[in-house]
Amino acid sequence: MPSTLPLGDPAPSDGLLPAQAVDGSADRAFGLYVHIPFCAVRCGYCDFNTYTATELGGGASQDAYAGTAASEVLMAAKVLTDSGLPPRRLSTVFFGGGTPTLLPADDLALILRRAIDQWGIEDGAEVTTEANPDSVTPESLAILKDAGFTRISFGMQSAVPHVLKVLDRTHTPSRVPQVVQWAREAGLAVSLDLIYGTPGESLADWRYSLETALSYEPDHISAYALIVEDGTKLAAQIRRGEVPGIDDDDHADKYELADQLISEAGLGWYEVSNWARTPEQACRHNLAYWRGDDWWGIGPGAHSHVGGVRWWNVKHPTAYAGRLAQGLSPAAGRETLDLETRNVERVMLEARLKSGLEVSSLGDDGRHEVAGLIADGLVEPAEAFRGRLVLTLKGRLLADAVVRRVLPA
């Protein structure tokens, strides 16, 4: 969740949604994202809306946060009902951050319980929390499992100490297999997050990280290219020449190695940066984002989307807690997407999925470009002829290039 909020229209203080949000809602899945904005240390590459405990107090403190987030859950349920949306059970819940597991497990369980009290939850629903390897214990994982969590995503990032140091990660590589074992003993599915392209990381370093992560036999792996955001510590280090910059060719080589090794280990690719051991173990919450389903985002700076209406909460935890204490919506702004914008976003997202994009849904120019994409070897001819656009090479830069070709100028 980037820390800079977008521009948009003012959001009403009661949070009520326009009629557009209701149209077709009974046929869309509904999920919940819960942002926990706390970190023990801010990583040098991170541009997310996060804070260390010493930066905050009052209703925004870690001790008070579960109650504050739970109050937005109550408000969200009322807003959806008062806006005319039909009752829908939660299909997915995702706790992200920050480091959600810096809060006591009982606090995370409280927020989840309040959400289930308001909406109910589908049988077999996916409930995920992100975690740093040094922020969990066997006891906390057991509490999460008992509360209804089904899945945990560990921020492993690398198995190489000097790479972790550049990223300002606080855990040691030896901690990862330990927490994976604890999670499995608790009955949780395990995902590992990796980052490639860190300054000073060699291709051999990246291979070692991949092989090490795969040796733990996770159910799911995410591998993300490092993006250097303006205003971060890492951006300043690169600008001063203290560490080397980012190289797109290096990213491409590392992406291809990731796809090769992860696929050979039996995990199937399903989105540009994601692989799962079985289709059922793909992250259903993220798939809901990529497919344009509905979700409500709880927490400071959290984004929500319901039926083409998108809004975002005030950024700072103190302002967020203050608005809720006054009975006001914490939304800072919103936008109502028109059909053209929704179509552009759909193309950008669906083209990145293994399931692909319906070629018939493109405009005339876009359909014409598909023939050129086939000739250039960027999409599978068989898939395109069956009516779907699926990338052969699945790297982020390639995906973006394909999207630019099929979208109207």
Protein backbone atom coordinates (compact mmCIF):
# COMPACT_ATOMS: atom_id res chain seq x y z
CA MET A 1 0.00 0.00 0.00
CA PRO A 2 1.91 3.08 -1.22
CA SER A 3 2.02 5.92 1.29
CA THR A 4 1.02 8.63 -1.20
CA LEU A 5 -2.74 8.90 -1.61
CA PRO A 6 -4.20 9.55 -5.07
CA LEU A 7 -6.17 12.61 -6.06
CA GLY A 8 -9.92 12.23 -6.23
CA ASP A 9 -13.28 13.69 -5.32
CA PRO A 10 -14.19 14.45 -1.70
CA ALA A 11 -15.70 11.47 0.11
CA PRO A 12 -18.95 12.00 2.05
CA SER A 13 -18.60 12.00 5.81
CA ASP A 14 -21.24 9.27 6.12
CA GLY A 15 -19.40 7.06 3.61
CA LEU A 16 -22.56 6.24 1.64
CA LEU A 17 -21.96 4.85 -1.85
CA PRO A 18 -23.65 5.89 -5.11
CA ALA A 19 -26.16 3.66 -6.89
CA GLN A 20 -23.49 2.40 -9.31
CA ALA A 21 -21.91 0.40 -6.47
CA VAL A 22 -25.11 -1.63 -6.07
CA ASP A 23 -25.47 -2.72 -9.70
CA GLY A 24 -24.55 -6.37 -10.09
CA SER A 25 -23.19 -6.61 -6.56
CA ALA A 26 -25.04 -9.84 -5.77
CA ASP A 27 -22.91 -11.57 -8.43
CA ARG A 28 -19.55 -10.25 -7.17
CA ALA A 29 -17.41 -11.74 -4.43
CA PHE A 30 -16.78 -9.59 -1.35
CA GLY A 31 -13.51 -9.55 0.55
CA LEU A 32 -11.89 -7.60 3.38
CA TYR A 33 -8.41 -6.10 3.56
CA VAL A 34 -7.11 -5.05 6.98
CA HIS A 35 -4.09 -2.74 7.05
CA ILE A 36 -1.89 -2.95 10.14
CA PRO A 37 0.39 0.11 9.85
CA PHE A 38 3.13 -0.92 12.30
CA CYS A 39 6.70 -2.06 11.74
CA ALA A 40 9.56 -2.66 14.16
CA VAL A 41 11.93 -1.01 11.66
CA ARG A 42 11.19 0.76 8.39
CA CYS A 43 12.92 -1.11 5.56
CA GLY A 44 15.04 1.06 3.32
CA TYR A 45 13.12 0.17 0.13
CA CYS A 46 9.63 0.51 1.62
CA ASP A 47 7.21 3.25 0.53
CA PHE A 48 4.17 1.74 2.28
CA ASN A 49 2.05 3.59 4.82
CA THR A 50 3.77 2.23 7.91
CA TYR A 51 5.00 3.60 11.24
CA THR A 52 7.17 2.44 14.12
CA ALA A 53 5.58 2.22 17.55
CA THR A 54 7.49 5.25 18.85
CA GLU A 55 5.94 7.49 16.19
CA LEU A 56 2.37 7.08 17.39
CA GLY A 57 0.20 7.39 20.47
CA GLY A 58 -3.38 7.72 21.63
CA GLY A 59 -6.01 5.91 19.57
CA ALA A 60 -3.40 5.23 16.90
CA SER A 61 -1.13 3.24 19.21
CA GLN A 62 -0.53 -0.46 18.78
CA ASP A 63 -2.36 -1.18 22.03
CA ALA A 64 -5.53 0.62 20.88
CA TYR A 65 -5.42 -0.28 17.22
CA ALA A 66 -7.53 -3.46 17.23
CA GLY A 67 -10.46 -1.59 18.77
CA THR A 68 -10.06 1.27 16.30
CA ALA A 69 -10.01 -1.09 13.30
CA ALA A 70 -12.99 -3.00 14.68
CA SER A 71 -14.95 0.24 14.83
CA GLU A 72 -14.39 0.72 11.10
CA VAL A 73 -15.66 -2.81 10.52
CA LEU A 74 -18.93 -1.81 12.23
CA MET A 75 -19.13 1.38 10.17
CA ALA A 76 -18.39 -0.51 6.93
CA ALA A 77 -21.23 -2.96 7.52
CA LYS A 78 -23.65 -0.09 8.16
CA VAL A 79 -22.50 1.87 5.09
CA LEU A 80 -22.96 -1.11 2.79
CA THR A 81 -26.44 -1.83 4.18
CA ASP A 82 -27.53 1.81 4.10
CA SER A 83 -26.21 2.12 0.53
CA GLY A 84 -28.53 -0.69 -0.56
CA LEU A 85 -26.00 -3.47 -1.13
CA PRO A 86 -27.26 -7.00 -0.45
CA PRO A 87 -25.82 -9.10 2.38
CA ARG A 88 -22.72 -10.99 1.25
CA ARG A 89 -20.47 -13.32 3.21
CA LEU A 90 -16.74 -12.71 3.20
CA SER A 91 -14.98 -14.84 0.60
CA THR A 92 -11.45 -13.74 1.55
CA VAL A 93 -9.78 -11.73 4.32
CA PHE A 94 -6.22 -10.43 4.10
CA PHE A 95 -4.24 -8.74 6.89
CA GLY A 96 -1.35 -6.74 5.42
CA GLY A 97 0.96 -3.97 6.46
CA GLY A 98 3.29 -3.07 7.88
CA THR A 99 3.74 -6.16 9.95
CA PRO A 100 0.34 -7.41 11.13
CA THR A 101 1.91 -9.89 13.53
CA LEU A 102 3.49 -7.09 15.55
CA LEU A 103 0.03 -6.90 17.11
CA PRO A 104 -0.79 -9.65 19.60
CA ALA A 105 -2.47 -12.59 17.89
CA ASP A 106 -5.51 -12.02 20.09
CA ASP A 107 -5.88 -8.51 18.58
CA LEU A 108 -5.83 -9.87 15.04
CA ALA A 109 -8.36 -12.48 16.12
CA LEU A 110 -10.59 -9.72 17.57
CA ILE A 111 -10.67 -7.83 14.26
CA LEU A 112 -11.43 -11.00 12.33
CA ARG A 113 -14.17 -11.97 14.78
CA ARG A 114 -15.84 -8.55 14.44
CA ALA A 115 -15.78 -8.90 10.65
CA ILE A 116 -17.32 -12.37 10.75
CA ASP A 117 -19.95 -11.12 13.21
CA GLN A 118 -20.99 -8.45 10.71
CA TRP A 119 -20.85 -10.31 7.41
CA GLY A 120 -20.41 -13.99 8.07
CA ILE A 121 -17.82 -15.94 6.13
CA GLU A 122 -18.09 -18.49 3.35
CA ASP A 123 -17.27 -22.13 3.99
CA GLY A 124 -13.64 -22.70 3.07
CA ALA A 125 -12.87 -18.96 2.89
CA GLU A 126 -9.22 -17.91 2.67
CA VAL A 127 -7.96 -15.82 5.62
CA THR A 128 -4.34 -14.66 5.31
CA THR A 129 -1.95 -12.62 7.37
CA GLU A 130 1.44 -11.34 6.33
CA ALA A 131 4.25 -11.79 8.85
CA ASN A 132 7.94 -11.19 9.30
CA PRO A 133 9.79 -14.36 10.27
CA ASP A 134 10.86 -12.81 13.58
CA SER A 135 7.34 -11.67 14.57
CA VAL A 136 5.64 -15.01 15.30
CA THR A 137 5.86 -17.83 17.84
CA PRO A 138 4.30 -21.29 17.90
CA GLU A 139 1.78 -19.95 20.40
CA SER A 140 0.76 -16.94 18.31
CA LEU A 141 0.35 -19.08 15.19
CA ALA A 142 -1.87 -21.50 17.09
CA ILE A 143 -4.06 -18.59 18.24
CA LEU A 144 -4.38 -17.35 14.65
CA LYS A 145 -5.37 -20.81 13.41
CA ASP A 146 -7.98 -21.19 16.16
CA ALA A 147 -9.38 -17.76 15.27
CA GLY A 148 -10.01 -18.79 11.66
CA PHE A 149 -6.82 -17.83 9.82
CA THR A 150 -5.97 -20.36 7.12
CA ARG A 151 -2.81 -19.00 5.54
CA ILE A 152 0.33 -17.03 6.40
CA SER A 153 2.66 -15.17 4.05
CA PHE A 154 6.19 -14.77 5.38
CA GLY A 155 8.39 -11.93 4.14
CA MET A 156 11.49 -14.04 3.53
CA GLN A 157 12.80 -11.72 0.75
CA SER A 158 16.22 -13.41 0.50
CA ALA A 159 18.34 -16.19 2.01
CA VAL A 160 21.55 -14.17 1.62
CA PRO A 161 22.68 -12.10 4.64
CA HIS A 162 24.24 -9.23 2.68
CA VAL A 163 21.05 -8.86 0.60
CA LEU A 164 18.89 -8.80 3.74
CA LYS A 165 21.20 -6.13 5.15
CA VAL A 166 20.71 -3.85 2.14
CA LEU A 167 16.95 -4.33 2.47
CA ASP A 168 17.12 -3.55 6.23
CA ARG A 169 15.38 -6.81 7.08
CA THR A 170 15.60 -7.75 10.75
CA HIS A 171 15.39 -11.55 10.57
CA THR A 172 18.21 -14.02 9.96
CA PRO A 173 17.97 -16.63 7.18
CA SER A 174 17.95 -19.47 9.73
CA ARG A 175 14.68 -18.19 11.17
CA VAL A 176 12.66 -18.95 8.04
CA PRO A 177 12.64 -22.78 8.12
CA GLN A 178 11.78 -22.61 11.81
CA VAL A 179 8.68 -20.44 11.32
CA VAL A 180 7.59 -22.46 8.29
CA GLN A 181 7.65 -25.57 10.47
CA TRP A 182 5.69 -23.80 13.22
CA ALA A 183 3.07 -22.66 10.74
CA ARG A 184 2.67 -26.15 9.34
CA GLU A 185 2.34 -27.58 12.84
CA ALA A 186 -0.40 -25.03 13.52
CA GLY A 187 -2.22 -26.12 10.34
CA LEU A 188 -1.64 -22.98 8.26
CA ALA A 189 -0.84 -22.90 4.55
CA VAL A 190 2.49 -21.17 3.90
CA SER A 191 3.49 -18.60 1.28
CA LEU A 192 6.99 -17.12 0.99
CA ASP A 193 7.62 -13.64 -0.45
CA LEU A 194 10.92 -13.05 -2.25
CA ILE A 195 12.47 -9.89 -3.76
CA TYR A 196 14.96 -9.92 -6.62
CA GLY A 197 17.18 -7.19 -8.04
CA THR A 198 18.49 -5.80 -4.75
CA PRO A 199 21.66 -3.73 -5.30
CA GLY A 200 24.65 -6.02 -4.91
CA GLU A 201 22.65 -9.23 -5.40
CA SER A 202 24.33 -11.52 -7.93
CA LEU A 203 22.52 -14.06 -10.07
CA ALA A 204 24.14 -16.75 -7.90
CA ASP A 205 22.74 -15.04 -4.78
CA TRP A 206 19.27 -15.07 -6.30
CA ARG A 207 19.57 -18.73 -7.32
CA TYR A 208 20.58 -19.58 -3.75
CA SER A 209 17.56 -17.72 -2.34
CA LEU A 210 15.21 -19.49 -4.73
CA GLU A 211 16.65 -22.93 -4.06
CA THR A 212 16.58 -22.30 -0.32
CA ALA A 213 12.95 -21.12 -0.36
CA LEU A 214 11.91 -24.11 -2.47
CA SER A 215 13.66 -26.50 -0.08
CA TYR A 216 11.09 -25.50 2.55
CA GLU A 217 8.33 -26.78 0.23
CA PRO A 218 5.97 -23.80 0.54
CA ASP A 219 2.43 -23.93 -0.83
CA HIS A 220 2.92 -20.62 -2.64
CA ILE A 221 5.74 -18.29 -3.68
CA SER A 222 5.63 -14.63 -4.68
CA ALA A 223 8.72 -13.17 -6.36
CA TYR A 224 8.75 -9.41 -6.86
CA ALA A 225 11.22 -7.20 -8.68
CA LEU A 226 12.62 -4.52 -6.39
CA ILE A 227 11.24 -1.12 -7.31
CA VAL A 228 13.09 1.90 -5.93
CA GLU A 229 10.54 4.47 -4.81
CA ASP A 230 11.36 8.18 -4.53
CA GLY A 231 11.79 9.34 -0.97
CA THR A 232 13.00 6.02 0.41
CA LYS A 233 16.32 5.42 2.12
CA LEU A 234 17.39 3.10 -0.71
CA ALA A 235 16.65 5.76 -3.35
CA ALA A 236 18.89 8.20 -1.47
CA GLN A 237 21.66 5.59 -1.20
CA ILE A 238 21.55 4.97 -4.96
CA ARG A 239 21.49 8.70 -5.68
CA ARG A 240 24.60 9.20 -3.54
CA GLY A 241 26.37 6.28 -5.24
CA GLU A 242 26.57 4.22 -2.06
CA VAL A 243 24.94 1.22 -3.74
CA PRO A 244 24.46 0.40 -7.45
CA GLY A 245 21.25 1.24 -9.25
CA ILE A 246 18.58 -1.07 -10.65
CA ASP A 247 19.18 -2.84 -13.96
CA ASP A 248 16.17 -3.98 -16.02
CA ASP A 249 18.24 -6.65 -17.81
CA ASP A 250 19.29 -8.03 -14.42
CA HIS A 251 15.61 -8.11 -13.40
CA ALA A 252 14.71 -9.99 -16.58
CA ASP A 253 17.44 -12.61 -16.06
CA LYS A 254 16.36 -13.14 -12.46
CA TYR A 255 12.70 -13.37 -13.38
CA GLU A 256 13.41 -16.05 -15.97
CA LEU A 257 15.50 -17.99 -13.45
CA ALA A 258 12.68 -17.73 -10.88
CA ASP A 259 10.09 -19.01 -13.35
CA GLN A 260 12.36 -21.90 -14.36
CA LEU A 261 13.27 -23.07 -10.86
CA ILE A 262 9.86 -22.54 -9.26
CA SER A 263 8.10 -24.34 -12.13
CA GLU A 264 10.57 -27.22 -12.03
CA ALA A 265 9.80 -27.57 -8.30
CA GLY A 266 6.14 -28.19 -9.12
CA LEU A 267 4.56 -24.81 -8.43
CA GLY A 268 2.43 -23.45 -11.24
CA TRP A 269 2.57 -19.86 -12.46
CA TYR A 270 -0.79 -18.06 -12.32
CA GLU A 271 0.08 -14.32 -12.25
CA VAL A 272 3.12 -12.31 -13.24
CA SER A 273 4.78 -12.62 -9.83
CA ASN A 274 3.02 -15.61 -8.27
CA TRP A 275 3.22 -19.41 -8.29
CA ALA A 276 1.13 -21.96 -6.35
CA ARG A 277 1.58 -25.67 -5.70
CA THR A 278 -2.02 -26.34 -6.77
CA PRO A 279 -4.65 -24.06 -8.34
CA GLU A 280 -6.52 -24.16 -5.03
CA GLN A 281 -3.47 -22.69 -3.25
CA ALA A 282 -3.32 -19.56 -5.42
CA CYS A 283 -3.95 -16.44 -3.34
CA ARG A 284 -7.70 -15.98 -3.80
CA HIS A 285 -7.66 -12.56 -2.18
CA ASN A 286 -5.20 -11.16 -4.71
CA LEU A 287 -7.09 -12.84 -7.54
CA ALA A 288 -10.14 -10.88 -6.41
CA TYR A 289 -8.16 -7.66 -6.89
CA TRP A 290 -7.00 -8.67 -10.35
CA ARG A 291 -10.52 -9.68 -11.40
CA GLY A 292 -12.19 -6.52 -10.14
CA ASP A 293 -14.29 -8.00 -7.33
CA ASP A 294 -15.46 -5.96 -4.34
CA TRP A 295 -13.45 -5.40 -1.17
CA TRP A 296 -13.45 -3.06 1.79
CA GLY A 297 -10.10 -1.82 3.09
CA ILE A 298 -9.84 -1.28 6.85
CA GLY A 299 -7.15 0.98 8.30
CA PRO A 300 -5.25 4.22 7.61
CA GLY A 301 -4.50 4.68 3.92
CA ALA A 302 -6.41 1.50 3.03
CA HIS A 303 -8.13 1.39 -0.37
CA SER A 304 -11.56 -0.07 -1.11
CA HIS A 305 -13.46 -0.93 -4.27
CA VAL A 306 -17.14 -1.71 -4.69
CA GLY A 307 -18.78 -1.82 -8.11
CA GLY A 308 -16.45 0.64 -9.81
CA VAL A 309 -16.41 3.03 -6.86
CA ARG A 310 -12.96 3.29 -5.32
CA TRP A 311 -12.03 5.19 -2.17
CA TRP A 312 -9.13 5.50 0.25
CA ASN A 313 -8.83 6.33 3.92
CA VAL A 314 -6.92 9.19 5.48
CA LYS A 315 -3.26 8.31 5.63
CA HIS A 316 -2.14 9.03 9.18
CA PRO A 317 -3.24 6.65 11.95
CA THR A 318 -3.99 9.51 14.34
CA ALA A 319 -6.31 11.21 11.84
CA TYR A 320 -7.88 7.83 11.06
CA ALA A 321 -8.60 7.09 14.72
CA GLY A 322 -9.89 10.61 15.25
CA ARG A 323 -12.46 10.42 12.46
CA LEU A 324 -13.80 7.10 13.66
CA ALA A 325 -14.03 8.41 17.23
CA GLN A 326 -16.28 11.19 15.91
CA GLY A 327 -18.49 8.71 14.06
CA LEU A 328 -17.24 9.91 10.67
CA SER A 329 -16.11 7.87 7.70
CA PRO A 330 -12.29 7.76 7.55
CA ALA A 331 -12.40 8.05 3.74
CA ALA A 332 -10.21 10.89 2.43
CA GLY A 333 -11.34 10.75 -1.20
CA ARG A 334 -12.93 8.59 -3.85
CA GLU A 335 -13.51 8.18 -7.55
CA THR A 336 -16.32 6.66 -9.56
CA LEU A 337 -14.84 4.88 -12.55
CA ASP A 338 -16.51 5.25 -15.93
CA LEU A 339 -16.83 2.31 -18.33
CA GLU A 340 -13.72 3.24 -20.34
CA THR A 341 -11.53 3.47 -17.23
CA ARG A 342 -12.88 0.19 -15.88
CA ASN A 343 -12.13 -1.49 -19.21
CA VAL A 344 -8.56 -0.16 -19.27
CA GLU A 345 -7.96 -1.42 -15.73
CA ARG A 346 -9.48 -4.80 -16.59
CA VAL A 347 -7.12 -5.20 -19.54
CA MET A 348 -4.11 -4.18 -17.44
CA LEU A 349 -4.95 -6.71 -14.74
CA GLU A 350 -6.34 -9.68 -16.65
CA ALA A 351 -3.48 -9.73 -19.16
CA ARG A 352 -1.18 -10.57 -16.24
CA LEU A 353 -3.12 -13.71 -15.27
CA LYS A 354 -2.64 -17.22 -16.57
CA SER A 355 -6.37 -17.29 -17.30
CA GLY A 356 -5.70 -14.41 -19.67
CA LEU A 357 -7.82 -11.70 -21.23
CA GLU A 358 -10.73 -12.20 -23.59
CA VAL A 359 -9.47 -10.97 -26.96
CA SER A 360 -13.08 -10.38 -28.03
CA SER A 361 -13.37 -7.74 -25.29
CA LEU A 362 -10.68 -5.55 -26.90
CA GLY A 363 -11.42 -2.76 -29.33
CA ASP A 364 -10.79 -3.14 -33.06
CA ASP A 365 -7.25 -1.79 -32.78
CA GLY A 366 -6.49 -4.04 -29.83
CA ARG A 367 -7.70 -7.16 -31.64
CA HIS A 368 -5.57 -6.19 -34.63
CA GLU A 369 -2.52 -5.90 -32.37
CA VAL A 370 -2.98 -9.49 -31.15
CA ALA A 371 -1.82 -10.78 -34.55
CA GLY A 372 1.36 -8.72 -34.14
CA LEU A 373 1.88 -10.03 -30.63
CA ILE A 374 1.66 -13.59 -31.93
CA ALA A 375 4.16 -12.79 -34.69
CA ASP A 376 6.54 -11.30 -32.12
CA GLY A 377 6.25 -14.37 -29.89
CA LEU A 378 4.76 -12.46 -26.96
CA VAL A 379 1.54 -14.46 -26.66
CA GLU A 380 0.69 -18.10 -27.23
CA PRO A 381 -1.01 -18.50 -30.65
CA ALA A 382 -3.17 -21.38 -29.45
CA GLU A 383 -4.43 -19.35 -26.51
CA ALA A 384 -5.07 -16.29 -28.65
CA PHE A 385 -6.97 -18.31 -31.22
CA ARG A 386 -9.15 -19.70 -28.48
CA GLY A 387 -10.08 -16.14 -27.73
CA ARG A 388 -7.79 -15.32 -24.81
CA LEU A 389 -4.62 -13.25 -24.62
CA VAL A 390 -2.00 -15.05 -22.48
CA LEU A 391 1.60 -13.95 -22.15
CA THR A 392 4.31 -16.48 -23.04
CA LEU A 393 7.07 -14.60 -21.23
CA LYS A 394 5.53 -13.38 -18.03
CA GLY A 395 7.85 -10.71 -16.66
CA ARG A 396 6.45 -7.43 -15.40
CA LEU A 397 8.11 -5.26 -18.05
CA LEU A 398 6.86 -7.49 -20.85
CA ALA A 399 3.35 -7.57 -19.42
CA ASP A 400 3.27 -3.78 -19.31
CA ALA A 401 4.54 -3.56 -22.91
CA VAL A 402 1.83 -5.94 -24.15
CA VAL A 403 -0.88 -3.98 -22.36
CA ARG A 404 0.30 -0.73 -23.95
CA ARG A 405 -0.03 -2.30 -27.41
CA VAL A 406 -3.57 -3.59 -27.02
CA LEU A 407 -5.03 -0.57 -25.24
CA PRO A 408 -6.25 2.48 -27.16
CA ALA A 409 -3.83 5.40 -27.22
